[in-house]
Structure formats: structure tokens, C-alpha cells
Amino acid sequence: MNNMEKMLQTASRKLKISPNELKELLSKGDMNAIMSKMDKSESQKLKKALDDPNVVSNLKNSPEMTEYMKKNTQNAQKKE
């Protein structure tokens, strides 16, 4: 299990949703749905982090995100 899968499992447990549901919401970019499942203080922290261009850039350029995007792109192409 890679780091991204571990993070998804941990986050899904905290949000009380399945890892697949969380992946689906992430793939759609539906942060409002994800944040609605968080407690208010955690939601505000996430919003503040996502409003910071440096944080977003670091996330986009992380090896885990690159691997995740590559895997999802390959999966999407297989479905076509």
C-alpha cells in the first residue's frame, strides 16, 4: 500500500465515508462535499490551506499526487 492509499484510508475514516467515495469526490474536485463532512474547525483549516498558492503548488507537485494523477489518468483511458 502506497502513501496515497494510506492517506485516503485515514482521511476516509475521519470523514466517515468509504475510500472509494472519497476518491470519487477528489476526482470530481468536489471540495465542498468533502468539507461538509468535516467538523467546522477542520474545514476552515483546509479552506485556509487551499487558499494558499504555495500549499496548492506543493500538493500538485508532490510525488504522491503525481503518482495518483498518473494512475487515475491510466484508469480513465482504460475505461474508454
PDB file of N, CA and C in Angstrom:
ATOM      1  N   MET A   1       0.858  -1.182   0.000  1.00  0.00           N
ATOM      2  CA  MET A   1       0.000   0.000   0.000  1.00  0.00           C
ATOM      3  C   MET A   1       0.901   1.241   0.000  1.00  0.00           C
ATOM      4  N   ASN A   2       0.654   2.143  -0.954  1.00  0.00           N
ATOM      5  CA  ASN A   2       1.489   3.339  -1.028  1.00  0.00           C
ATOM      6  C   ASN A   2       0.965   4.436  -0.093  1.00  0.00           C
ATOM      7  N   ASN A   3       1.735   5.509  -0.002  1.00  0.00           N
ATOM      8  CA  ASN A   3       1.386   6.602   0.916  1.00  0.00           C
ATOM      9  C   ASN A   3       0.038   7.235   0.591  1.00  0.00           C
ATOM     10  N   MET A   4      -0.261   7.378  -0.692  1.00  0.00           N
ATOM     11  CA  MET A   4      -1.527   7.995  -1.084  1.00  0.00           C
ATOM     12  C   MET A   4      -2.705   7.146  -0.611  1.00  0.00           C
ATOM     13  N   GLU A   5      -2.611   5.840  -0.770  1.00  0.00           N
ATOM     14  CA  GLU A   5      -3.687   4.952  -0.322  1.00  0.00           C
ATOM     15  C   GLU A   5      -3.840   5.006   1.191  1.00  0.00           C
ATOM     16  N   LYS A   6      -2.731   5.081   1.898  1.00  0.00           N
ATOM     17  CA  LYS A   6      -2.793   5.199   3.363  1.00  0.00           C
ATOM     18  C   LYS A   6      -3.474   6.500   3.764  1.00  0.00           C
ATOM     19  N   MET A   7      -3.126   7.593   3.072  1.00  0.00           N
ATOM     20  CA  MET A   7      -3.760   8.873   3.381  1.00  0.00           C
ATOM     21  C   MET A   7      -5.255   8.826   3.100  1.00  0.00           C
ATOM     22  N   LEU A   8      -5.642   8.214   1.979  1.00  0.00           N
ATOM     23  CA  LEU A   8      -7.058   8.103   1.649  1.00  0.00           C
ATOM     24  C   LEU A   8      -7.813   7.295   2.699  1.00  0.00           C
ATOM     25  N   GLN A   9      -7.218   6.213   3.159  1.00  0.00           N
ATOM     26  CA  GLN A   9      -7.871   5.394   4.182  1.00  0.00           C
ATOM     27  C   GLN A   9      -8.021   6.166   5.488  1.00  0.00           C
ATOM     28  N   THR A  10      -6.964   6.859   5.877  1.00  0.00           N
ATOM     29  CA  THR A  10      -7.017   7.645   7.115  1.00  0.00           C
ATOM     30  C   THR A  10      -8.066   8.753   7.005  1.00  0.00           C
ATOM     31  N   ALA A  11      -8.031   9.476   5.898  1.00  0.00           N
ATOM     32  CA  ALA A  11      -8.982  10.576   5.698  1.00  0.00           C
ATOM     33  C   ALA A  11     -10.407  10.058   5.623  1.00  0.00           C
ATOM     34  N   SER A  12     -10.609   8.943   4.945  1.00  0.00           N
ATOM     35  CA  SER A  12     -11.971   8.418   4.818  1.00  0.00           C
ATOM     36  C   SER A  12     -12.516   7.972   6.170  1.00  0.00           C
ATOM     37  N   ARG A  13     -11.661   7.416   7.010  1.00  0.00           N
ATOM     38  CA  ARG A  13     -12.118   7.039   8.363  1.00  0.00           C
ATOM     39  C   ARG A  13     -12.535   8.276   9.144  1.00  0.00           C
ATOM     40  N   LYS A  14     -11.733   9.342   9.059  1.00  0.00           N
ATOM     41  CA  LYS A  14     -12.065  10.568   9.785  1.00  0.00           C
ATOM     42  C   LYS A  14     -13.350  11.206   9.265  1.00  0.00           C
ATOM     43  N   LEU A  15     -13.570  11.105   7.947  1.00  0.00           N
ATOM     44  CA  LEU A  15     -14.757  11.696   7.345  1.00  0.00           C
ATOM     45  C   LEU A  15     -15.973  10.782   7.415  1.00  0.00           C
ATOM     46  N   LYS A  16     -15.720   9.526   7.822  1.00  0.00           N
ATOM     47  CA  LYS A  16     -16.785   8.519   7.931  1.00  0.00           C
ATOM     48  C   LYS A  16     -17.436   8.249   6.573  1.00  0.00           C
ATOM     49  N   ILE A  17     -16.571   8.154   5.550  1.00  0.00           N
ATOM     50  CA  ILE A  17     -17.013   7.746   4.224  1.00  0.00           C
ATOM     51  C   ILE A  17     -16.029   6.696   3.712  1.00  0.00           C
ATOM     52  N   SER A  18     -16.409   5.979   2.685  1.00  0.00           N
ATOM     53  CA  SER A  18     -15.519   4.940   2.157  1.00  0.00           C
ATOM     54  C   SER A  18     -14.368   5.582   1.380  1.00  0.00           C
ATOM     55  N   PRO A  19     -13.232   4.891   1.307  1.00  0.00           N
ATOM     56  CA  PRO A  19     -12.127   5.415   0.496  1.00  0.00           C
ATOM     57  C   PRO A  19     -12.538   5.639  -0.958  1.00  0.00           C
ATOM     58  N   ASN A  20     -13.403   4.769  -1.480  1.00  0.00           N
ATOM     59  CA  ASN A  20     -13.863   4.942  -2.863  1.00  0.00           C
ATOM     60  C   ASN A  20     -14.703   6.205  -3.029  1.00  0.00           C
ATOM     61  N   GLU A  21     -15.560   6.482  -2.050  1.00  0.00           N
ATOM     62  CA  GLU A  21     -16.367   7.707  -2.119  1.00  0.00           C
ATOM     63  C   GLU A  21     -15.459   8.928  -2.059  1.00  0.00           C
ATOM     64  N   LEU A  22     -14.449   8.879  -1.196  1.00  0.00           N
ATOM     65  CA  LEU A  22     -13.511   9.993  -1.087  1.00  0.00           C
ATOM     66  C   LEU A  22     -12.743  10.168  -2.394  1.00  0.00           C
ATOM     67  N   LYS A  23     -12.282   9.075  -2.988  1.00  0.00           N
ATOM     68  CA  LYS A  23     -11.590   9.153  -4.281  1.00  0.00           C
ATOM     69  C   LYS A  23     -12.487   9.788  -5.332  1.00  0.00           C
ATOM     70  N   GLU A  24     -13.748   9.388  -5.334  1.00  0.00           N
ATOM     71  CA  GLU A  24     -14.713   9.927  -6.299  1.00  0.00           C
ATOM     72  C   GLU A  24     -14.868  11.438  -6.118  1.00  0.00           C
ATOM     73  N   LEU A  25     -15.035  11.871  -4.878  1.00  0.00           N
ATOM     74  CA  LEU A  25     -15.184  13.303  -4.608  1.00  0.00           C
ATOM     75  C   LEU A  25     -13.927  14.063  -4.993  1.00  0.00           C
ATOM     76  N   LEU A  26     -12.764  13.480  -4.701  1.00  0.00           N
ATOM     77  CA  LEU A  26     -11.500  14.122  -5.060  1.00  0.00           C
ATOM     78  C   LEU A  26     -11.339  14.202  -6.575  1.00  0.00           C
ATOM     79  N   SER A  27     -11.694  13.132  -7.263  1.00  0.00           N
ATOM     80  CA  SER A  27     -11.536  13.129  -8.718  1.00  0.00           C
ATOM     81  C   SER A  27     -12.456  14.151  -9.377  1.00  0.00           C
ATOM     82  N   LYS A  28     -13.604  14.408  -8.754  1.00  0.00           N
ATOM     83  CA  LYS A  28     -14.531  15.420  -9.269  1.00  0.00           C
ATOM     84  C   LYS A  28     -14.113  16.830  -8.845  1.00  0.00           C
ATOM     85  N   GLY A  29     -13.200  16.905  -7.868  1.00  0.00           N
ATOM     86  CA  GLY A  29     -12.798  18.210  -7.346  1.00  0.00           C
ATOM     87  C   GLY A  29     -13.864  18.818  -6.462  1.00  0.00           C
ATOM     88  N   ASP A  30     -14.710  17.976  -5.884  1.00  0.00           N
ATOM     89  CA  ASP A  30     -15.844  18.446  -5.085  1.00  0.00           C
ATOM     90  C   ASP A  30     -15.416  18.679  -3.630  1.00  0.00           C
ATOM     91  N   MET A  31     -14.664  19.733  -3.425  1.00  0.00           N
ATOM     92  CA  MET A  31     -14.160  20.027  -2.082  1.00  0.00           C
ATOM     93  C   MET A  31     -15.288  20.434  -1.138  1.00  0.00           C
ATOM     94  N   ASN A  32     -16.345  21.044  -1.664  1.00  0.00           N
ATOM     95  CA  ASN A  32     -17.468  21.433  -0.798  1.00  0.00           C
ATOM     96  C   ASN A  32     -18.108  20.210  -0.158  1.00  0.00           C
ATOM     97  N   ALA A  33     -18.271  19.130  -0.928  1.00  0.00           N
ATOM     98  CA  ALA A  33     -18.859  17.905  -0.378  1.00  0.00           C
ATOM     99  C   ALA A  33     -17.940  17.296   0.666  1.00  0.00           C
ATOM    100  N   ILE A  34     -16.650  17.324   0.402  1.00  0.00           N
ATOM    101  CA  ILE A  34     -15.683  16.782   1.373  1.00  0.00           C
ATOM    102  C   ILE A  34     -15.692  17.630   2.636  1.00  0.00           C
ATOM    103  N   MET A  35     -15.640  18.940   2.461  1.00  0.00           N
ATOM    104  CA  MET A  35     -15.588  19.831   3.625  1.00  0.00           C
ATOM    105  C   MET A  35     -16.877  19.777   4.434  1.00  0.00           C
ATOM    106  N   SER A  36     -17.997  19.449   3.797  1.00  0.00           N
ATOM    107  CA  SER A  36     -19.264  19.359   4.531  1.00  0.00           C
ATOM    108  C   SER A  36     -19.269  18.175   5.493  1.00  0.00           C
ATOM    109  N   LYS A  37     -18.402  17.212   5.255  1.00  0.00           N
ATOM    110  CA  LYS A  37     -18.320  16.035   6.112  1.00  0.00           C
ATOM    111  C   LYS A  37     -17.336  16.233   7.258  1.00  0.00           C
ATOM    112  N   MET A  38     -16.618  17.356   7.248  1.00  0.00           N
ATOM    113  CA  MET A  38     -15.610  17.649   8.272  1.00  0.00           C
ATOM    114  C   MET A  38     -16.237  18.495   9.378  1.00  0.00           C
ATOM    115  N   ASP A  39     -15.605  18.471  10.560  1.00  0.00           N
ATOM    116  CA  ASP A  39     -16.085  19.407  11.569  1.00  0.00           C
ATOM    117  C   ASP A  39     -15.655  20.812  11.151  1.00  0.00           C
ATOM    118  N   LYS A  40     -16.337  21.804  11.686  1.00  0.00           N
ATOM    119  CA  LYS A  40     -16.187  23.177  11.211  1.00  0.00           C
ATOM    120  C   LYS A  40     -14.750  23.691  11.313  1.00  0.00           C
ATOM    121  N   SER A  41     -14.069  23.418  12.410  1.00  0.00           N
ATOM    122  CA  SER A  41     -12.704  23.940  12.573  1.00  0.00           C
ATOM    123  C   SER A  41     -11.742  23.296  11.578  1.00  0.00           C
ATOM    124  N   GLU A  42     -11.903  21.994  11.328  1.00  0.00           N
ATOM    125  CA  GLU A  42     -11.045  21.309  10.356  1.00  0.00           C
ATOM    126  C   GLU A  42     -11.339  21.813   8.944  1.00  0.00           C
ATOM    127  N   SER A  43     -12.597  22.041   8.650  1.00  0.00           N
ATOM    128  CA  SER A  43     -12.992  22.560   7.347  1.00  0.00           C
ATOM    129  C   SER A  43     -12.375  23.937   7.102  1.00  0.00           C
ATOM    130  N   GLN A  44     -12.387  24.775   8.121  1.00  0.00           N
ATOM    131  CA  GLN A  44     -11.799  26.111   8.000  1.00  0.00           C
ATOM    132  C   GLN A  44     -10.287  26.035   7.796  1.00  0.00           C
ATOM    133  N   LYS A  45      -9.627  25.109   8.476  1.00  0.00           N
ATOM    134  CA  LYS A  45      -8.177  24.933   8.298  1.00  0.00           C
ATOM    135  C   LYS A  45      -7.861  24.498   6.874  1.00  0.00           C
ATOM    136  N   LEU A  46      -8.650  23.560   6.348  1.00  0.00           N
ATOM    137  CA  LEU A  46      -8.426  23.086   4.992  1.00  0.00           C
ATOM    138  C   LEU A  46      -8.653  24.210   3.993  1.00  0.00           C
ATOM    139  N   LYS A  47      -9.720  24.970   4.164  1.00  0.00           N
ATOM    140  CA  LYS A  47     -10.007  26.084   3.257  1.00  0.00           C
ATOM    141  C   LYS A  47      -8.865  27.085   3.270  1.00  0.00           C
ATOM    142  N   LYS A  48      -8.349  27.391   4.451  1.00  0.00           N
ATOM    143  CA  LYS A  48      -7.236  28.337   4.560  1.00  0.00           C
ATOM    144  C   LYS A  48      -6.002  27.797   3.834  1.00  0.00           C
ATOM    145  N   ALA A  49      -5.722  26.503   4.004  1.00  0.00           N
ATOM    146  CA  ALA A  49      -4.572  25.898   3.331  1.00  0.00           C
ATOM    147  C   ALA A  49      -4.747  25.922   1.815  1.00  0.00           C
ATOM    148  N   LEU A  50      -5.950  25.604   1.344  1.00  0.00           N
ATOM    149  CA  LEU A  50      -6.189  25.566  -0.098  1.00  0.00           C
ATOM    150  C   LEU A  50      -6.203  26.957  -0.726  1.00  0.00           C
ATOM    151  N   ASP A  51      -6.412  27.976   0.086  1.00  0.00           N
ATOM    152  CA  ASP A  51      -6.369  29.343  -0.418  1.00  0.00           C
ATOM    153  C   ASP A  51      -4.931  29.851  -0.556  1.00  0.00           C
ATOM    154  N   ASP A  52      -3.967  29.107  -0.002  1.00  0.00           N
ATOM    155  CA  ASP A  52      -2.561  29.484  -0.063  1.00  0.00           C
ATOM    156  C   ASP A  52      -1.938  28.888  -1.331  1.00  0.00           C
ATOM    157  N   PRO A  53      -1.535  29.723  -2.282  1.00  0.00           N
ATOM    158  CA  PRO A  53      -0.992  29.210  -3.545  1.00  0.00           C
ATOM    159  C   PRO A  53       0.244  28.325  -3.353  1.00  0.00           C
ATOM    160  N   ASN A  54       1.053  28.596  -2.341  1.00  0.00           N
ATOM    161  CA  ASN A  54       2.242  27.774  -2.097  1.00  0.00           C
ATOM    162  C   ASN A  54       1.863  26.364  -1.670  1.00  0.00           C
ATOM    163  N   VAL A  55       0.840  26.243  -0.835  1.00  0.00           N
ATOM    164  CA  VAL A  55       0.388  24.926  -0.389  1.00  0.00           C
ATOM    165  C   VAL A  55      -0.164  24.140  -1.572  1.00  0.00           C
ATOM    166  N   VAL A  56      -0.981  24.784  -2.372  1.00  0.00           N
ATOM    167  CA  VAL A  56      -1.575  24.126  -3.535  1.00  0.00           C
ATOM    168  C   VAL A  56      -0.478  23.680  -4.504  1.00  0.00           C
ATOM    169  N   SER A  57       0.499  24.538  -4.744  1.00  0.00           N
ATOM    170  CA  SER A  57       1.603  24.190  -5.638  1.00  0.00           C
ATOM    171  C   SER A  57       2.388  22.994  -5.113  1.00  0.00           C
ATOM    172  N   ASN A  58       2.669  22.994  -3.815  1.00  0.00           N
ATOM    173  CA  ASN A  58       3.396  21.873  -3.213  1.00  0.00           C
ATOM    174  C   ASN A  58       2.605  20.574  -3.324  1.00  0.00           C
ATOM    175  N   LEU A  59       1.303  20.648  -3.130  1.00  0.00           N
ATOM    176  CA  LEU A  59       0.460  19.462  -3.271  1.00  0.00           C
ATOM    177  C   LEU A  59       0.466  18.937  -4.699  1.00  0.00           C
ATOM    178  N   LYS A  60       0.290  19.841  -5.650  1.00  0.00           N
ATOM    179  CA  LYS A  60       0.246  19.433  -7.054  1.00  0.00           C
ATOM    180  C   LYS A  60       1.554  18.811  -7.509  1.00  0.00           C
ATOM    181  N   ASN A  61       2.654  19.290  -6.962  1.00  0.00           N
ATOM    182  CA  ASN A  61       3.965  18.829  -7.404  1.00  0.00           C
ATOM    183  C   ASN A  61       4.535  17.698  -6.559  1.00  0.00           C
ATOM    184  N   SER A  62       3.785  17.228  -5.588  1.00  0.00           N
ATOM    185  CA  SER A  62       4.291  16.154  -4.730  1.00  0.00           C
ATOM    186  C   SER A  62       4.354  14.843  -5.507  1.00  0.00           C
ATOM    187  N   PRO A  63       5.314  13.981  -5.177  1.00  0.00           N
ATOM    188  CA  PRO A  63       5.400  12.683  -5.858  1.00  0.00           C
ATOM    189  C   PRO A  63       4.119  11.856  -5.706  1.00  0.00           C
ATOM    190  N   GLU A  64       3.481  11.936  -4.548  1.00  0.00           N
ATOM    191  CA  GLU A  64       2.254  11.171  -4.321  1.00  0.00           C
ATOM    192  C   GLU A  64       1.128  11.644  -5.226  1.00  0.00           C
ATOM    193  N   MET A  65       0.994  12.950  -5.384  1.00  0.00           N
ATOM    194  CA  MET A  65      -0.061  13.478  -6.249  1.00  0.00           C
ATOM    195  C   MET A  65       0.233  13.144  -7.705  1.00  0.00           C
ATOM    196  N   THR A  66       1.493  13.232  -8.096  1.00  0.00           N
ATOM    197  CA  THR A  66       1.873  12.875  -9.457  1.00  0.00           C
ATOM    198  C   THR A  66       1.523  11.419  -9.739  1.00  0.00           C
ATOM    199  N   GLU A  67       1.829  10.533  -8.804  1.00  0.00           N
ATOM    200  CA  GLU A  67       1.510   9.111  -8.954  1.00  0.00           C
ATOM    201  C   GLU A  67       0.000   8.906  -9.018  1.00  0.00           C
ATOM    202  N   TYR A  68      -0.733   9.578  -8.144  1.00  0.00           N
ATOM    203  CA  TYR A  68      -2.190   9.468  -8.108  1.00  0.00           C
ATOM    204  C   TYR A  68      -2.801   9.911  -9.433  1.00  0.00           C
ATOM    205  N   MET A  69      -2.357  11.044  -9.941  1.00  0.00           N
ATOM    206  CA  MET A  69      -2.898  11.558 -11.195  1.00  0.00           C
ATOM    207  C   MET A  69      -2.546  10.638 -12.362  1.00  0.00           C
ATOM    208  N   LYS A  70      -1.342  10.122 -12.368  1.00  0.00           N
ATOM    209  CA  LYS A  70      -0.926   9.210 -13.433  1.00  0.00           C
ATOM    210  C   LYS A  70      -1.794   7.957 -13.424  1.00  0.00           C
ATOM    211  N   LYS A  71      -2.003   7.403 -12.225  1.00  0.00           N
ATOM    212  CA  LYS A  71      -2.812   6.183 -12.095  1.00  0.00           C
ATOM    213  C   LYS A  71      -4.250   6.442 -12.532  1.00  0.00           C
ATOM    214  N   ASN A  72      -4.825   7.559 -12.112  1.00  0.00           N
ATOM    215  CA  ASN A  72      -6.213   7.863 -12.478  1.00  0.00           C
ATOM    216  C   ASN A  72      -6.363   8.158 -13.957  1.00  0.00           C
ATOM    217  N   THR A  73      -5.379   8.771 -14.557  1.00  0.00           N
ATOM    218  CA  THR A  73      -5.415   9.030 -15.992  1.00  0.00           C
ATOM    219  C   THR A  73      -5.378   7.717 -16.760  1.00  0.00           C
ATOM    220  N   GLN A  74      -4.521   6.802 -16.317  1.00  0.00           N
ATOM    221  CA  GLN A  74      -4.429   5.498 -16.961  1.00  0.00           C
ATOM    222  C   GLN A  74      -5.737   4.729 -16.811  1.00  0.00           C
ATOM    223  N   ASN A  75      -6.331   4.776 -15.618  1.00  0.00           N
ATOM    224  CA  ASN A  75      -7.603   4.087 -15.386  1.00  0.00           C
ATOM    225  C   ASN A  75      -8.713   4.664 -16.251  1.00  0.00           C
ATOM    226  N   ALA A  76      -8.730   5.976 -16.397  1.00  0.00           N
ATOM    227  CA  ALA A  76      -9.757   6.623 -17.219  1.00  0.00           C
ATOM    228  C   ALA A  76      -9.599   6.227 -18.682  1.00  0.00           C
ATOM    229  N   GLN A  77      -8.360   6.133 -19.128  1.00  0.00           N
ATOM    230  CA  GLN A  77      -8.115   5.750 -20.518  1.00  0.00           C
ATOM    231  C   GLN A  77      -8.517   4.303 -20.763  1.00  0.00           C
ATOM    232  N   LYS A  78      -8.334   3.431 -19.792  1.00  0.00           N
ATOM    233  CA  LYS A  78      -8.711   2.036 -19.925  1.00  0.00           C
ATOM    234  C   LYS A  78     -10.225   1.891 -20.061  1.00  0.00           C
ATOM    235  N   LYS A  79     -10.981   2.767 -19.376  1.00  0.00           N
ATOM    236  CA  LYS A  79     -12.440   2.694 -19.395  1.00  0.00           C
ATOM    237  C   LYS A  79     -13.010   3.146 -20.738  1.00  0.00           C
ATOM    238  N   GLU A  80     -12.256   3.945 -21.486  1.00  0.00           N
ATOM    239  CA  GLU A  80     -12.756   4.463 -22.774  1.00  0.00           C
ATOM    240  C   GLU A  80     -12.728   3.442 -23.801  1.00  0.00           C
TER     241      GLU A  80
END
